[in-house]
Amino acid sequence: MNNCSGCLFEDERVDISVLPEETTTGKNTFGCVIDGWVYVGGRYYTNYTDTICDFPCSGQRSVLFFHCLEYNQIKAFALLEKDNYALQFTINNPREGHECVLTDVYLFRTRLPDGIAFITLFDTGYCIISGRFECSNRIHFGRFDVVYHKE
């Protein structure tokens, strides 16, 4: 892990040229194709106290998922490049084996239309959520396999 420009740490073991494989084991992987380009989360770690897209990121891995129990939503954030290029969305009513609506989709602070996610695993015992997603005509082949935090 290298210190990059004093505000990010970079994990060069994360290959940002290919999408991560589709898994259901809580590997903390995230990736998608945006406008025809592959973007992968998990390579960059933040080291500042500001927020990006309304998520507290200080000292955190750049792929963060939170389960809001009160509203049964998963709030997702992924830093995709070291220059604050981030994707954020909310998965409403996640259920394993079902399609769910993605709302509050933001790509670098630009609001996008709602999308869909198919949840392949939602394990509330081990706090793992895995699935595929897409949104508008810009985001395709999205996948995630993460250990989420409870709010």
C-alpha atoms as a PDB file:
ATOM      1  CA  MET A   1       0.000   0.000   0.000  1.00  0.00           C
ATOM      2  CA  ASN A   2       1.499   3.335  -1.039  1.00  0.00           C
ATOM      3  CA  ASN A   3       0.735   6.850   0.144  1.00  0.00           C
ATOM      4  CA  CYS A   4      -0.613   8.810  -2.818  1.00  0.00           C
ATOM      5  CA  SER A   5      -0.554  12.611  -2.687  1.00  0.00           C
ATOM      6  CA  GLY A   6      -0.979  12.620   1.097  1.00  0.00           C
ATOM      7  CA  CYS A   7      -4.701  11.904   1.093  1.00  0.00           C
ATOM      8  CA  LEU A   8      -5.123   8.412  -0.378  1.00  0.00           C
ATOM      9  CA  PHE A   9      -3.533   5.033   0.040  1.00  0.00           C
ATOM     10  CA  GLU A  10      -3.411   2.746  -2.964  1.00  0.00           C
ATOM     11  CA  ASP A  11      -3.651  -1.044  -2.855  1.00  0.00           C
ATOM     12  CA  GLU A  12      -1.909  -2.047  -6.077  1.00  0.00           C
ATOM     13  CA  ARG A  13      -3.028  -5.674  -5.644  1.00  0.00           C
ATOM     14  CA  VAL A  14      -6.502  -4.619  -6.851  1.00  0.00           C
ATOM     15  CA  ASP A  15      -6.493  -4.908 -10.657  1.00  0.00           C
ATOM     16  CA  ILE A  16      -8.452  -1.960 -12.031  1.00  0.00           C
ATOM     17  CA  SER A  17      -8.274  -3.182 -15.645  1.00  0.00           C
ATOM     18  CA  VAL A  18     -10.795  -6.036 -15.243  1.00  0.00           C
ATOM     19  CA  LEU A  19     -14.073  -6.493 -13.417  1.00  0.00           C
ATOM     20  CA  PRO A  20     -13.848  -8.608 -10.283  1.00  0.00           C
ATOM     21  CA  GLU A  21     -15.280 -12.086 -10.543  1.00  0.00           C
ATOM     22  CA  GLU A  22     -18.850 -12.571  -9.388  1.00  0.00           C
ATOM     23  CA  THR A  23     -18.655 -14.107  -5.902  1.00  0.00           C
ATOM     24  CA  THR A  24     -20.833 -14.467  -2.811  1.00  0.00           C
ATOM     25  CA  THR A  25     -18.301 -14.750   0.003  1.00  0.00           C
ATOM     26  CA  GLY A  26     -17.870 -11.173   1.242  1.00  0.00           C
ATOM     27  CA  LYS A  27     -14.633 -10.516  -0.685  1.00  0.00           C
ATOM     28  CA  ASN A  28     -15.266  -6.731  -0.607  1.00  0.00           C
ATOM     29  CA  THR A  29     -15.150  -6.416  -4.378  1.00  0.00           C
ATOM     30  CA  PHE A  30     -16.959  -3.880  -6.531  1.00  0.00           C
ATOM     31  CA  GLY A  31     -16.821  -3.096 -10.237  1.00  0.00           C
ATOM     32  CA  CYS A  32     -18.842  -1.956 -13.237  1.00  0.00           C
ATOM     33  CA  VAL A  33     -18.579  -0.588 -16.751  1.00  0.00           C
ATOM     34  CA  ILE A  34     -19.330   3.144 -17.001  1.00  0.00           C
ATOM     35  CA  ASP A  35     -19.617   4.712 -20.441  1.00  0.00           C
ATOM     36  CA  GLY A  36     -17.730   1.725 -21.883  1.00  0.00           C
ATOM     37  CA  TRP A  37     -14.817   1.872 -19.377  1.00  0.00           C
ATOM     38  CA  VAL A  38     -14.092  -0.574 -16.556  1.00  0.00           C
ATOM     39  CA  TYR A  39     -14.111   0.922 -13.053  1.00  0.00           C
ATOM     40  CA  VAL A  40     -13.198  -1.085  -9.968  1.00  0.00           C
ATOM     41  CA  GLY A  41     -13.534  -0.082  -6.338  1.00  0.00           C
ATOM     42  CA  GLY A  42     -11.311  -1.154  -3.483  1.00  0.00           C
ATOM     43  CA  ARG A  43      -7.989   0.067  -4.821  1.00  0.00           C
ATOM     44  CA  TYR A  44      -8.011   3.364  -2.971  1.00  0.00           C
ATOM     45  CA  TYR A  45      -8.296   4.040   0.747  1.00  0.00           C
ATOM     46  CA  THR A  46      -9.079   7.469   2.055  1.00  0.00           C
ATOM     47  CA  ASN A  47      -7.121   9.260   4.740  1.00  0.00           C
ATOM     48  CA  TYR A  48      -8.943  12.563   5.174  1.00  0.00           C
ATOM     49  CA  THR A  49     -11.820  13.729   7.333  1.00  0.00           C
ATOM     50  CA  ASP A  50     -13.956  15.338   4.633  1.00  0.00           C
ATOM     51  CA  THR A  51     -16.843  13.424   3.089  1.00  0.00           C
ATOM     52  CA  ILE A  52     -17.471  12.337  -0.468  1.00  0.00           C
ATOM     53  CA  CYS A  53     -21.056  11.865  -1.586  1.00  0.00           C
ATOM     54  CA  ASP A  54     -22.314  12.195   2.001  1.00  0.00           C
ATOM     55  CA  PHE A  55     -20.386   9.159   3.332  1.00  0.00           C
ATOM     56  CA  PRO A  56     -17.793   9.429   6.098  1.00  0.00           C
ATOM     57  CA  CYS A  57     -14.635   7.933   4.617  1.00  0.00           C
ATOM     58  CA  SER A  58     -11.747   8.829   6.890  1.00  0.00           C
ATOM     59  CA  GLY A  59      -9.362   5.891   7.038  1.00  0.00           C
ATOM     60  CA  GLN A  60     -11.866   3.591   5.355  1.00  0.00           C
ATOM     61  CA  ARG A  61     -11.618   1.288   2.379  1.00  0.00           C
ATOM     62  CA  SER A  62     -13.167   2.952  -0.611  1.00  0.00           C
ATOM     63  CA  VAL A  63     -16.066   0.500  -0.972  1.00  0.00           C
ATOM     64  CA  LEU A  64     -18.604   1.064   1.794  1.00  0.00           C
ATOM     65  CA  PHE A  65     -22.053  -0.492   2.143  1.00  0.00           C
ATOM     66  CA  PHE A  66     -24.381   0.341   5.049  1.00  0.00           C
ATOM     67  CA  HIS A  67     -27.614  -1.466   5.941  1.00  0.00           C
ATOM     68  CA  CYS A  68     -30.171   0.992   7.271  1.00  0.00           C
ATOM     69  CA  LEU A  69     -32.415  -1.346   9.244  1.00  0.00           C
ATOM     70  CA  GLU A  70     -35.124   1.255   9.875  1.00  0.00           C
ATOM     71  CA  TYR A  71     -35.891   1.672   6.148  1.00  0.00           C
ATOM     72  CA  ASN A  72     -34.523  -1.700   4.940  1.00  0.00           C
ATOM     73  CA  GLN A  73     -32.082  -0.072   2.535  1.00  0.00           C
ATOM     74  CA  ILE A  74     -28.479  -0.682   1.606  1.00  0.00           C
ATOM     75  CA  LYS A  75     -26.568   2.541   0.960  1.00  0.00           C
ATOM     76  CA  ALA A  76     -23.558   1.936  -1.266  1.00  0.00           C
ATOM     77  CA  PHE A  77     -20.497   4.061  -1.980  1.00  0.00           C
ATOM     78  CA  ALA A  78     -17.470   3.251  -4.133  1.00  0.00           C
ATOM     79  CA  LEU A  79     -14.500   5.490  -4.846  1.00  0.00           C
ATOM     80  CA  LEU A  80     -13.507   4.467  -8.375  1.00  0.00           C
ATOM     81  CA  GLU A  81     -10.542   6.739  -9.017  1.00  0.00           C
ATOM     82  CA  LYS A  82      -8.223   8.668  -6.758  1.00  0.00           C
ATOM     83  CA  ASP A  83      -9.600  12.024  -7.920  1.00  0.00           C
ATOM     84  CA  ASN A  84     -12.920  11.575  -6.049  1.00  0.00           C
ATOM     85  CA  TYR A  85     -14.658   9.839  -8.986  1.00  0.00           C
ATOM     86  CA  ALA A  86     -17.318   8.030  -6.979  1.00  0.00           C
ATOM     87  CA  LEU A  87     -20.532   6.063  -7.496  1.00  0.00           C
ATOM     88  CA  GLN A  88     -23.254   6.088  -4.869  1.00  0.00           C
ATOM     89  CA  PHE A  89     -26.677   4.412  -4.788  1.00  0.00           C
ATOM     90  CA  THR A  90     -29.343   2.992  -2.495  1.00  0.00           C
ATOM     91  CA  ILE A  91     -30.751  -0.535  -2.821  1.00  0.00           C
ATOM     92  CA  ASN A  92     -34.346  -0.549  -1.608  1.00  0.00           C
ATOM     93  CA  ASN A  93     -35.744  -3.605   0.185  1.00  0.00           C
ATOM     94  CA  PRO A  94     -32.876  -5.987  -0.617  1.00  0.00           C
ATOM     95  CA  ARG A  95     -33.966  -9.624  -0.798  1.00  0.00           C
ATOM     96  CA  GLU A  96     -31.841 -12.546  -1.839  1.00  0.00           C
ATOM     97  CA  GLY A  97     -32.878 -13.974  -5.213  1.00  0.00           C
ATOM     98  CA  HIS A  98     -34.886 -10.877  -6.193  1.00  0.00           C
ATOM     99  CA  GLU A  99     -34.555  -7.761  -8.304  1.00  0.00           C
ATOM    100  CA  CYS A 100     -34.526  -4.529  -6.319  1.00  0.00           C
ATOM    101  CA  VAL A 101     -34.769  -0.883  -7.291  1.00  0.00           C
ATOM    102  CA  LEU A 102     -31.658   1.323  -7.126  1.00  0.00           C
ATOM    103  CA  THR A 103     -32.428   4.902  -6.188  1.00  0.00           C
ATOM    104  CA  ASP A 104     -30.427   7.992  -5.278  1.00  0.00           C
ATOM    105  CA  VAL A 105     -27.865   7.082  -7.933  1.00  0.00           C
ATOM    106  CA  TYR A 106     -25.014   9.586  -8.168  1.00  0.00           C
ATOM    107  CA  LEU A 107     -21.960   9.376 -10.380  1.00  0.00           C
ATOM    108  CA  PHE A 108     -19.450  12.014  -9.253  1.00  0.00           C
ATOM    109  CA  ARG A 109     -22.287  14.139  -7.835  1.00  0.00           C
ATOM    110  CA  THR A 110     -24.376  13.867 -11.034  1.00  0.00           C
ATOM    111  CA  ARG A 111     -27.803  12.355 -10.427  1.00  0.00           C
ATOM    112  CA  LEU A 112     -28.658   9.420 -12.707  1.00  0.00           C
ATOM    113  CA  PRO A 113     -32.017   7.709 -13.279  1.00  0.00           C
ATOM    114  CA  ASP A 114     -32.996   4.804 -11.038  1.00  0.00           C
ATOM    115  CA  GLY A 115     -31.591   1.383 -11.855  1.00  0.00           C
ATOM    116  CA  ILE A 116     -31.954  -2.239 -10.797  1.00  0.00           C
ATOM    117  CA  ALA A 117     -29.954  -4.714  -8.737  1.00  0.00           C
ATOM    118  CA  PHE A 118     -30.314  -8.471  -8.544  1.00  0.00           C
ATOM    119  CA  ILE A 119     -29.311  -9.712  -5.091  1.00  0.00           C
ATOM    120  CA  THR A 120     -27.510 -13.069  -5.269  1.00  0.00           C
ATOM    121  CA  LEU A 121     -26.766 -13.219  -1.515  1.00  0.00           C
ATOM    122  CA  PHE A 122     -28.119 -11.267   1.443  1.00  0.00           C
ATOM    123  CA  ASP A 123     -26.749 -12.869   4.596  1.00  0.00           C
ATOM    124  CA  THR A 124     -27.809 -10.847   7.641  1.00  0.00           C
ATOM    125  CA  GLY A 125     -25.893 -13.158   9.993  1.00  0.00           C
ATOM    126  CA  TYR A 126     -22.497 -12.501   8.408  1.00  0.00           C
ATOM    127  CA  CYS A 127     -23.480  -9.063   7.020  1.00  0.00           C
ATOM    128  CA  ILE A 128     -22.689  -9.994   3.405  1.00  0.00           C
ATOM    129  CA  ILE A 129     -24.512  -8.698   0.349  1.00  0.00           C
ATOM    130  CA  SER A 130     -23.653  -9.729  -3.206  1.00  0.00           C
ATOM    131  CA  GLY A 131     -25.281  -8.978  -6.517  1.00  0.00           C
ATOM    132  CA  ARG A 132     -25.340  -7.406  -9.946  1.00  0.00           C
ATOM    133  CA  PHE A 133     -26.580  -3.957 -10.969  1.00  0.00           C
ATOM    134  CA  GLU A 134     -27.118  -1.579 -13.871  1.00  0.00           C
ATOM    135  CA  CYS A 135     -28.372   1.944 -14.234  1.00  0.00           C
ATOM    136  CA  SER A 136     -29.518   4.005 -17.211  1.00  0.00           C
ATOM    137  CA  ASN A 137     -27.563   3.593 -20.408  1.00  0.00           C
ATOM    138  CA  ARG A 138     -24.293   4.541 -18.655  1.00  0.00           C
ATOM    139  CA  ILE A 139     -23.636   1.805 -16.053  1.00  0.00           C
ATOM    140  CA  HIS A 140     -23.523  -1.878 -17.040  1.00  0.00           C
ATOM    141  CA  PHE A 141     -22.200  -5.221 -15.761  1.00  0.00           C
ATOM    142  CA  GLY A 142     -22.006  -3.933 -12.184  1.00  0.00           C
ATOM    143  CA  ARG A 143     -21.207  -6.439  -9.463  1.00  0.00           C
ATOM    144  CA  PHE A 144     -20.460  -6.351  -5.766  1.00  0.00           C
ATOM    145  CA  ASP A 145     -19.650  -8.790  -2.991  1.00  0.00           C
ATOM    146  CA  VAL A 146     -19.174  -6.920   0.277  1.00  0.00           C
ATOM    147  CA  VAL A 147     -19.388  -7.115   4.023  1.00  0.00           C
ATOM    148  CA  TYR A 148     -21.749  -4.301   4.991  1.00  0.00           C
ATOM    149  CA  HIS A 149     -22.025  -2.226   8.143  1.00  0.00           C
ATOM    150  CA  LYS A 150     -25.236  -1.809  10.137  1.00  0.00           C
ATOM    151  CA  GLU A 151     -26.624   1.696  10.774  1.00  0.00           C
END
